[in-house]
Protein backbone atom coordinates (compact mmCIF):
# COMPACT_ATOMS: atom_id res chain seq x y z
CA UNK A 1 -21.74 228.22 77.25
CA UNK A 2 -21.13 224.64 77.17
CA UNK A 3 -17.49 223.34 77.09
CA UNK A 4 -16.73 222.35 73.54
CA UNK A 5 -13.85 219.93 74.67
CA UNK A 6 -15.60 217.67 77.22
CA UNK A 7 -19.37 218.77 76.99
CA UNK A 8 -19.62 218.09 80.72
CA UNK A 9 -19.34 221.63 82.12
CA UNK A 10 -20.45 225.14 81.61
CA UNK A 11 -17.67 227.63 80.93
CA UNK A 12 -17.25 230.17 83.89
CA UNK A 13 -15.25 233.53 84.12
CA UNK A 14 -12.07 233.21 86.18
CA UNK A 15 -8.63 234.90 86.48
CA UNK A 16 -5.46 232.92 86.03
CA UNK A 17 -1.77 233.49 85.62
CA UNK A 18 -0.40 233.06 82.06
CA UNK A 19 3.32 232.39 81.43
CA UNK A 20 5.60 232.82 78.37
CA UNK A 21 9.16 231.65 77.85
CA UNK A 22 11.43 232.91 75.08
CA UNK A 23 15.22 232.83 74.52
CA UNK A 24 15.82 231.80 78.12
CA UNK A 25 13.60 234.56 79.58
CA UNK A 26 10.36 234.08 81.40
CA UNK A 27 7.39 236.43 81.68
CA UNK A 28 4.43 236.09 83.97
CA UNK A 29 1.11 238.00 83.77
CA UNK A 30 -1.20 237.60 86.91
CA UNK A 31 -4.90 237.77 87.06
CA UNK A 32 -5.63 237.39 83.27
CA UNK A 33 -9.33 237.19 82.49
CA UNK A 34 -10.31 233.83 81.18
CA UNK A 35 -13.08 231.33 80.94
CA UNK A 36 -12.59 227.80 82.29
CA UNK A 37 -14.47 224.47 82.26
CA UNK A 38 -14.62 223.25 85.75
CA UNK A 39 -15.13 219.80 84.52
CA UNK A 40 -11.97 219.38 82.34
CA UNK A 41 -9.97 222.45 83.13
CA UNK A 42 -9.83 223.77 79.54
CA UNK A 43 -9.05 227.53 79.36
CA UNK A 44 -10.27 230.03 76.86
CA UNK A 45 -9.15 233.63 76.15
CA UNK A 46 -11.17 236.16 74.12
CA UNK A 47 -9.29 237.46 71.05
CA UNK A 48 -8.96 240.96 72.69
CA UNK A 49 -7.43 239.47 75.84
CA UNK A 50 -5.08 237.28 73.75
CA UNK A 51 -3.76 240.27 71.64
CA UNK A 52 -3.23 242.31 74.80
CA UNK A 53 -1.56 239.45 76.52
CA UNK A 54 0.76 238.93 73.70
CA UNK A 55 1.74 242.63 73.65
CA UNK A 56 2.43 242.50 77.43
CA UNK A 57 4.63 239.43 76.94
CA UNK A 58 6.49 241.21 74.15
CA UNK A 59 7.14 244.17 76.36
CA UNK A 60 8.24 242.05 79.42
CA UNK A 61 10.48 239.71 77.39
CA UNK A 62 12.09 242.68 75.69
CA UNK A 63 13.12 244.31 78.86
CA UNK A 64 16.31 242.19 78.97
CA UNK A 65 15.52 240.80 82.39
CA UNK A 66 15.78 237.03 82.91
CA UNK A 67 12.32 237.05 84.60
CA UNK A 68 9.52 239.73 84.69
CA UNK A 69 5.97 239.73 86.12
CA UNK A 70 3.04 242.10 85.92
CA UNK A 71 -0.63 242.17 87.09
CA UNK A 72 -3.27 242.42 84.57
CA UNK A 73 -4.99 245.85 84.86
CA UNK A 74 -8.38 246.30 83.10
CA UNK A 75 -7.91 249.98 82.32
CA UNK A 76 -4.32 249.61 81.13
CA UNK A 77 -3.89 249.95 77.28
CA UNK A 78 -1.63 247.40 75.62
């Protein structure tokens, strides 16, 4: 699919880290499946990935730790 932002590249599947910060706490999820535009760097998440990522961030940030990280696992339910 063509990039809707720059119209110069084709979106390609990739894995990237996603970071969230709330109330002085930081959560990092590694290896999140995304699509990126190699021309402009725009990143897209599917709705399913975004919902699951939000649930993972909620869980990590609610742990009480100042920082937390986890690897994305395909078979893991949110």
